[in-house]
Amino acid sequence: MGQSHRTQKVADRIKVVVAGVLEGKIKDPRLGFVTITDCRVTGDLQQASVFYSVLGDELQREATAAALQSAKGVIRAAVGKDLGLRITPSLEFFEDALPESAKALESLLDTVHQRDAEVIALRANAKYAGESDPYKAPRTQGLQGDHGDEPVEH
């Protein structure tokens, strides 16, 4: 089931605040090019899952995960100050799998385009297996009736 309107508004606000804190307050050199892609909050507003993507290789992704983990308290304090809720949600950071899924889908589409090009190249010199018109031509003679010697008119 989807999130309620209030939890969706809180999740959207957390997403904006976390992105702003990462851009302005956090000066950790391990923090790479991070994009906050999504945020999901539980119905009781006690926990927030923040999804992010990192531009770079595996080493940069691991360093960014460590930087986010170490800055979690500062980020949570900023979220609590901005939201003004009775209880500030605890934050968990998850690397978004969307970029890897998109790369896999792109490679599959490239394979499909290559195979389509091969089929088009093979079709250029192809010949029909039978005649060029595979359908039977209509008869020009009249059909025989029940008696066998009278033509039937249509």
Protein backbone atom coordinates (compact mmCIF):
# COMPACT_ATOMS: atom_id res chain seq x y z
CA MET A 1 0.00 0.00 0.00
CA GLY A 2 1.22 3.53 -0.72
CA GLN A 3 2.25 6.14 1.76
CA SER A 4 -0.27 8.55 3.24
CA HIS A 5 -0.19 12.17 2.18
CA ARG A 6 1.52 13.27 5.40
CA THR A 7 4.26 10.62 5.27
CA GLN A 8 4.88 11.49 1.62
CA LYS A 9 5.23 15.18 2.47
CA VAL A 10 7.64 14.35 5.32
CA ALA A 11 9.65 12.04 3.03
CA ASP A 12 9.89 14.74 0.35
CA ARG A 13 11.02 17.30 2.92
CA ILE A 14 13.65 14.92 4.35
CA LYS A 15 14.95 14.35 0.84
CA VAL A 16 15.37 18.10 0.28
CA VAL A 17 16.95 18.71 3.69
CA VAL A 18 19.43 15.82 3.36
CA ALA A 19 20.47 17.03 -0.09
CA GLY A 20 20.96 20.55 1.23
CA VAL A 21 23.01 19.37 4.21
CA LEU A 22 25.23 17.23 2.00
CA GLU A 23 25.79 20.16 -0.31
CA GLY A 24 26.38 22.82 2.33
CA LYS A 25 27.42 21.48 5.73
CA ILE A 26 29.25 18.20 5.20
CA LYS A 27 32.88 18.78 4.19
CA ASP A 28 34.04 15.16 4.29
CA PRO A 29 36.53 14.55 1.44
CA ARG A 30 35.29 10.96 1.13
CA LEU A 31 31.90 12.26 0.03
CA GLY A 32 31.73 11.91 -3.75
CA PHE A 33 29.21 13.20 -6.25
CA VAL A 34 26.07 12.14 -4.37
CA THR A 35 22.50 12.46 -5.56
CA ILE A 36 19.61 11.79 -3.19
CA THR A 37 17.18 9.83 -5.35
CA ASP A 38 14.38 8.88 -2.97
CA CYS A 39 13.25 8.88 0.65
CA ARG A 40 10.70 6.59 2.30
CA VAL A 41 9.30 7.09 5.77
CA THR A 42 7.44 4.57 7.92
CA GLY A 43 3.83 5.31 8.82
CA ASP A 44 4.72 6.28 12.39
CA LEU A 45 7.44 8.68 11.10
CA GLN A 46 10.09 6.96 13.25
CA GLN A 47 12.40 5.72 10.49
CA ALA A 48 13.43 7.16 7.16
CA SER A 49 15.21 5.28 4.40
CA VAL A 50 17.23 7.63 2.20
CA PHE A 51 18.31 6.31 -1.21
CA TYR A 52 21.29 7.82 -2.97
CA SER A 53 23.42 7.27 -6.05
CA VAL A 54 27.11 8.04 -6.50
CA LEU A 55 28.91 8.96 -9.67
CA GLY A 56 32.13 6.96 -9.73
CA ASP A 57 33.63 3.52 -9.30
CA GLU A 58 33.22 0.98 -6.52
CA LEU A 59 35.94 2.58 -4.36
CA GLN A 60 34.19 5.96 -4.47
CA ARG A 61 30.84 4.37 -3.64
CA GLU A 62 32.32 2.66 -0.57
CA ALA A 63 33.99 5.89 0.58
CA THR A 64 30.73 7.81 0.15
CA ALA A 65 28.82 5.17 2.14
CA ALA A 66 31.35 5.53 4.98
CA ALA A 67 31.09 9.33 4.84
CA LEU A 68 27.28 9.21 5.00
CA GLN A 69 27.43 6.79 7.91
CA SER A 70 29.79 9.07 9.86
CA ALA A 71 27.71 12.19 9.10
CA LYS A 72 24.39 10.55 9.98
CA GLY A 73 24.11 12.42 13.32
CA VAL A 74 24.69 15.85 11.79
CA ILE A 75 22.19 15.11 9.02
CA ARG A 76 19.59 13.81 11.48
CA ALA A 77 19.97 16.94 13.64
CA ALA A 78 19.37 19.15 10.60
CA VAL A 79 16.33 17.08 9.61
CA GLY A 80 14.91 17.35 13.14
CA LYS A 81 15.46 21.11 13.26
CA ASP A 82 13.78 21.60 9.89
CA LEU A 83 10.81 19.26 10.35
CA GLY A 84 9.85 20.27 13.89
CA LEU A 85 8.34 16.86 14.65
CA ARG A 86 8.05 15.50 18.18
CA ILE A 87 10.37 12.62 17.29
CA THR A 88 13.05 13.01 14.63
CA PRO A 89 13.12 9.97 12.34
CA SER A 90 16.22 7.79 12.44
CA LEU A 91 17.99 7.80 9.08
CA GLU A 92 19.29 4.86 7.09
CA PHE A 93 21.19 5.34 3.85
CA PHE A 94 20.88 2.86 0.99
CA GLU A 95 22.67 2.97 -2.32
CA ASP A 96 20.08 3.08 -5.06
CA ALA A 97 20.29 0.21 -7.54
CA LEU A 98 18.72 2.27 -10.32
CA PRO A 99 21.97 3.22 -12.11
CA GLU A 100 23.10 -0.42 -12.31
CA SER A 101 19.66 -1.48 -13.57
CA ALA A 102 19.75 1.25 -16.18
CA LYS A 103 23.21 0.16 -17.36
CA ALA A 104 22.07 -3.46 -17.66
CA LEU A 105 18.99 -2.38 -19.61
CA GLU A 106 21.12 -0.20 -21.90
CA SER A 107 23.43 -3.11 -22.68
CA LEU A 108 20.44 -5.32 -23.50
CA LEU A 109 19.03 -2.65 -25.81
CA ASP A 110 22.43 -2.30 -27.53
CA THR A 111 22.46 -6.06 -28.13
CA VAL A 112 18.95 -5.89 -29.61
CA HIS A 113 19.96 -3.03 -31.94
CA GLN A 114 23.04 -4.97 -33.12
CA ARG A 115 20.95 -8.06 -33.87
CA ASP A 116 18.38 -5.96 -35.71
CA ALA A 117 21.16 -4.52 -37.87
CA GLU A 118 22.41 -8.05 -38.63
CA VAL A 119 18.90 -9.15 -39.67
CA ILE A 120 18.53 -6.12 -41.93
CA ALA A 121 21.91 -6.85 -43.54
CA LEU A 122 20.91 -10.50 -44.15
CA ARG A 123 17.55 -9.46 -45.55
CA ALA A 124 19.17 -7.24 -48.20
CA ASN A 125 20.43 -10.23 -50.23
CA ALA A 126 17.67 -12.67 -49.29
CA LYS A 127 15.63 -14.57 -51.86
CA TYR A 128 12.18 -16.02 -51.45
CA ALA A 129 12.07 -19.71 -50.57
CA GLY A 130 9.29 -20.28 -53.10
CA GLU A 131 7.64 -17.95 -55.53
CA SER A 132 7.59 -14.23 -54.93
CA ASP A 133 3.79 -14.42 -54.50
CA PRO A 134 3.07 -17.25 -52.03
CA TYR A 135 -0.72 -17.02 -52.43
CA LYS A 136 -2.70 -19.08 -54.92
CA ALA A 137 -4.13 -17.19 -57.86
CA PRO A 138 -7.92 -17.39 -58.26
CA ARG A 139 -9.21 -19.88 -60.81
CA THR A 140 -10.29 -18.51 -64.12
CA GLN A 141 -12.31 -21.57 -65.21
CA GLY A 142 -15.82 -22.20 -63.89
CA LEU A 143 -16.34 -24.70 -61.10
CA GLN A 144 -18.16 -27.98 -61.72
CA GLY A 145 -21.58 -28.43 -60.09
CA ASP A 146 -23.17 -31.58 -58.64
CA HIS A 147 -23.62 -33.22 -62.03
CA GLY A 148 -20.02 -32.79 -63.06
CA ASP A 149 -20.72 -31.36 -66.50
CA GLU A 150 -22.46 -28.06 -65.76
CA PRO A 151 -20.40 -24.94 -64.98
CA VAL A 152 -21.51 -23.02 -61.89
CA GLU A 153 -21.87 -19.24 -62.20
CA HIS A 154 -21.11 -16.85 -59.37
